[in-house]
Amino acid sequence: IVSSGDLVQRFEAVWTPKQWELHLQAGKVTDSAYRLAWEFIASQIRSRGETTESAVAQLIETHFRDHDMVTDSTPIVAVNAHSGDPHYSTGDAPIREGDFVLIDQWAKCNCEDGVYSDLTRTGFVGTTVPAKYRQVFDIVARARDAAIAAVKEAFAANQPLRGCDVDDVCRGVIEEAGYG
């Protein structure tokens, strides 16, 4: 028995030029939703002292609808410990100054052949990011950069590369930093 994963990937994960263009369009909308979300969080903290995960998620969903984008579920807005819970279900937890916030959002153009743009970003609500957050961010950025380098090297050398191989490169950097 041999896995059909590579065969399925070749026929199911190859985009047409139209799909690539639709993905880029979706990326612009999902990217712009972050600016709105972070500005909303900041303005709510300044004026009211807090906001909620669900209020931020609703803002993002409205932004998607306003740009004729669709999604299959509510964006994940996760504060503090919720940010480490994989596929956390956004709730009404308050977001206040000093909090760590993760926003994971995805949407696609509302048309045939639309392809999702799926982005995840984190932010700190405050004026100075704690050293521990900067340290962990730097580790994750190094892992990302190592993965990109591995893909570029394999491509340049015409070497096969599986997703699990790229994952191993990322995990290696994170494990080496003591976060395995």
Protein backbone atom coordinates (compact mmCIF):
# COMPACT_ATOMS: atom_id res chain seq x y z
CA ILE A 1 0.00 0.00 0.00
CA VAL A 2 1.36 3.38 -1.05
CA SER A 3 -0.03 6.77 -0.13
CA SER A 4 -1.88 8.60 -2.88
CA GLY A 5 -1.21 11.94 -1.19
CA ASP A 6 1.30 13.16 -3.78
CA LEU A 7 -0.97 12.14 -6.66
CA VAL A 8 -4.02 13.83 -5.13
CA GLN A 9 -1.95 16.93 -4.41
CA ARG A 10 -0.79 17.16 -8.02
CA PHE A 11 -4.35 17.20 -9.35
CA GLU A 12 -6.23 18.93 -6.53
CA ALA A 13 -3.76 21.54 -5.28
CA VAL A 14 -2.75 23.13 -8.57
CA TRP A 15 -4.40 26.46 -9.26
CA THR A 16 -5.38 27.96 -12.57
CA PRO A 17 -4.22 31.51 -13.35
CA LYS A 18 -7.77 32.67 -12.52
CA GLN A 19 -7.63 30.97 -9.11
CA TRP A 20 -4.25 32.57 -8.40
CA GLU A 21 -5.70 36.02 -9.20
CA LEU A 22 -8.74 35.35 -7.00
CA HIS A 23 -6.43 34.24 -4.18
CA LEU A 24 -4.44 37.49 -4.49
CA GLN A 25 -7.68 39.50 -4.39
CA ALA A 26 -8.81 37.61 -1.30
CA GLY A 27 -5.41 38.25 0.27
CA LYS A 28 -5.82 42.00 -0.11
CA VAL A 29 -9.16 41.90 1.69
CA THR A 30 -8.00 39.61 4.50
CA ASP A 31 -4.86 41.70 4.93
CA SER A 32 -6.86 44.94 5.13
CA ALA A 33 -9.12 43.36 7.78
CA TYR A 34 -6.14 43.31 10.13
CA ARG A 35 -5.67 47.07 9.93
CA LEU A 36 -9.35 47.51 10.79
CA ALA A 37 -9.20 44.98 13.64
CA TRP A 38 -6.11 46.45 15.29
CA GLU A 39 -7.44 50.02 14.91
CA PHE A 40 -10.77 48.92 16.39
CA ILE A 41 -9.08 47.24 19.36
CA ALA A 42 -6.96 50.35 20.00
CA SER A 43 -9.90 52.75 19.76
CA GLN A 44 -12.07 50.61 22.04
CA ILE A 45 -9.29 50.33 24.63
CA ARG A 46 -8.77 54.10 24.56
CA SER A 47 -12.47 54.97 24.77
CA ARG A 48 -13.97 52.13 26.84
CA GLY A 49 -11.00 50.33 28.41
CA GLU A 50 -11.82 47.06 26.65
CA THR A 51 -13.54 45.26 23.80
CA THR A 52 -14.36 41.59 23.27
CA GLU A 53 -13.17 38.80 21.01
CA SER A 54 -16.62 38.56 19.42
CA ALA A 55 -16.81 42.31 18.69
CA VAL A 56 -13.55 42.08 16.73
CA ALA A 57 -14.74 38.95 14.90
CA GLN A 58 -18.01 40.68 13.94
CA LEU A 59 -16.06 43.64 12.55
CA ILE A 60 -14.00 41.28 10.37
CA GLU A 61 -17.11 39.44 9.14
CA THR A 62 -18.74 42.76 8.18
CA HIS A 63 -15.58 43.74 6.31
CA PHE A 64 -15.72 40.48 4.37
CA ARG A 65 -19.39 40.96 3.46
CA ASP A 66 -18.72 44.56 2.40
CA HIS A 67 -16.08 43.25 -0.02
CA ASP A 68 -18.21 40.35 -1.39
CA MET A 69 -16.10 37.75 0.37
CA VAL A 70 -17.36 34.53 1.94
CA THR A 71 -16.07 32.35 4.73
CA ASP A 72 -17.17 29.06 6.22
CA SER A 73 -17.06 30.12 9.88
CA THR A 74 -16.37 32.93 12.32
CA PRO A 75 -12.80 34.28 12.43
CA ILE A 76 -10.83 33.22 15.47
CA VAL A 77 -10.10 36.11 17.81
CA ALA A 78 -8.36 34.71 20.87
CA VAL A 79 -7.01 36.65 23.83
CA ASN A 80 -4.18 35.49 26.10
CA ALA A 81 -4.40 31.75 26.93
CA HIS A 82 -7.11 31.26 24.30
CA SER A 83 -4.49 32.08 21.65
CA GLY A 84 -2.74 28.77 22.33
CA ASP A 85 -5.90 26.71 21.93
CA PRO A 86 -5.92 25.31 18.36
CA HIS A 87 -9.08 26.37 16.54
CA TYR A 88 -10.49 28.10 19.58
CA SER A 89 -14.11 29.15 19.18
CA THR A 90 -14.27 32.92 19.54
CA GLY A 91 -16.18 33.96 22.64
CA ASP A 92 -16.88 37.10 24.61
CA ALA A 93 -13.63 37.25 26.55
CA PRO A 94 -12.56 40.84 27.16
CA ILE A 95 -9.53 42.32 25.44
CA ARG A 96 -7.73 44.92 27.55
CA GLU A 97 -4.43 46.74 27.70
CA GLY A 98 -1.58 44.30 28.37
CA ASP A 99 -3.27 41.42 26.54
CA PHE A 100 -1.90 39.18 23.79
CA VAL A 101 -4.31 38.71 20.87
CA LEU A 102 -4.34 36.17 18.05
CA ILE A 103 -6.52 36.74 14.99
CA ASP A 104 -6.93 33.88 12.51
CA GLN A 105 -9.15 34.72 9.54
CA TRP A 106 -9.94 33.29 6.12
CA ALA A 107 -12.17 34.29 3.25
CA LYS A 108 -12.51 33.90 -0.49
CA CYS A 109 -14.11 35.86 -3.31
CA ASN A 110 -17.79 35.03 -3.61
CA CYS A 111 -17.53 33.46 -7.06
CA GLU A 112 -16.81 30.21 -8.81
CA ASP A 113 -13.18 29.09 -8.38
CA GLY A 114 -12.62 31.39 -5.39
CA VAL A 115 -9.59 30.37 -3.31
CA TYR A 116 -9.26 31.14 0.38
CA SER A 117 -6.74 33.54 1.81
CA ASP A 118 -6.02 32.27 5.32
CA LEU A 119 -3.91 34.53 7.53
CA THR A 120 -3.01 34.42 11.22
CA ARG A 121 -1.40 37.28 13.10
CA THR A 122 -0.77 38.18 16.69
CA GLY A 123 -0.48 41.46 18.50
CA PHE A 124 0.13 42.94 21.91
CA VAL A 125 -2.30 45.52 23.29
CA GLY A 126 -0.04 48.15 24.79
CA THR A 127 2.83 50.50 24.16
CA THR A 128 5.79 48.18 24.87
CA VAL A 129 5.85 44.54 23.84
CA PRO A 130 7.21 42.36 26.69
CA ALA A 131 10.62 40.82 26.05
CA LYS A 132 9.22 37.27 26.29
CA TYR A 133 6.76 37.96 23.44
CA ARG A 134 9.53 39.43 21.29
CA GLN A 135 11.73 36.40 22.02
CA VAL A 136 9.05 33.90 20.99
CA PHE A 137 8.17 35.94 17.89
CA ASP A 138 11.85 35.92 16.86
CA ILE A 139 11.97 32.12 17.23
CA VAL A 140 8.85 31.69 15.09
CA ALA A 141 10.23 34.11 12.48
CA ARG A 142 13.50 32.12 12.33
CA ALA A 143 11.50 28.89 11.89
CA ARG A 144 9.48 30.50 9.08
CA ASP A 145 12.62 31.78 7.38
CA ALA A 146 14.30 28.37 7.64
CA ALA A 147 11.26 26.73 6.04
CA ILE A 148 11.23 29.24 3.18
CA ALA A 149 14.95 28.71 2.63
CA ALA A 150 14.45 24.92 2.55
CA VAL A 151 11.73 25.27 -0.09
CA LYS A 152 13.84 27.63 -2.20
CA GLU A 153 16.89 25.35 -1.97
CA ALA A 154 14.91 22.23 -2.92
CA PHE A 155 13.24 24.05 -5.81
CA ALA A 156 16.56 25.43 -7.10
CA ALA A 157 18.11 21.96 -6.92
CA ASN A 158 15.02 20.33 -8.48
CA GLN A 159 14.75 18.12 -5.39
CA PRO A 160 11.42 16.69 -4.23
CA LEU A 161 10.13 18.18 -1.00
CA ARG A 162 7.13 17.08 1.03
CA GLY A 163 5.10 19.25 3.37
CA CYS A 164 6.22 17.12 6.30
CA ASP A 165 9.85 17.87 5.39
CA VAL A 166 9.17 21.61 5.57
CA ASP A 167 7.36 21.07 8.87
CA ASP A 168 10.42 19.23 10.21
CA VAL A 169 12.63 22.22 9.34
CA CYS A 170 10.29 24.59 11.23
CA ARG A 171 9.98 22.30 14.22
CA GLY A 172 13.74 21.84 14.35
CA VAL A 173 14.32 25.57 14.86
CA ILE A 174 11.61 25.76 17.51
CA GLU A 175 12.88 22.65 19.33
CA GLU A 176 16.45 23.95 19.24
CA ALA A 177 15.21 27.10 20.98
CA GLY A 178 13.68 24.99 23.75
CA TYR A 179 10.04 25.15 22.70
CA GLY A 180 9.57 21.66 21.23
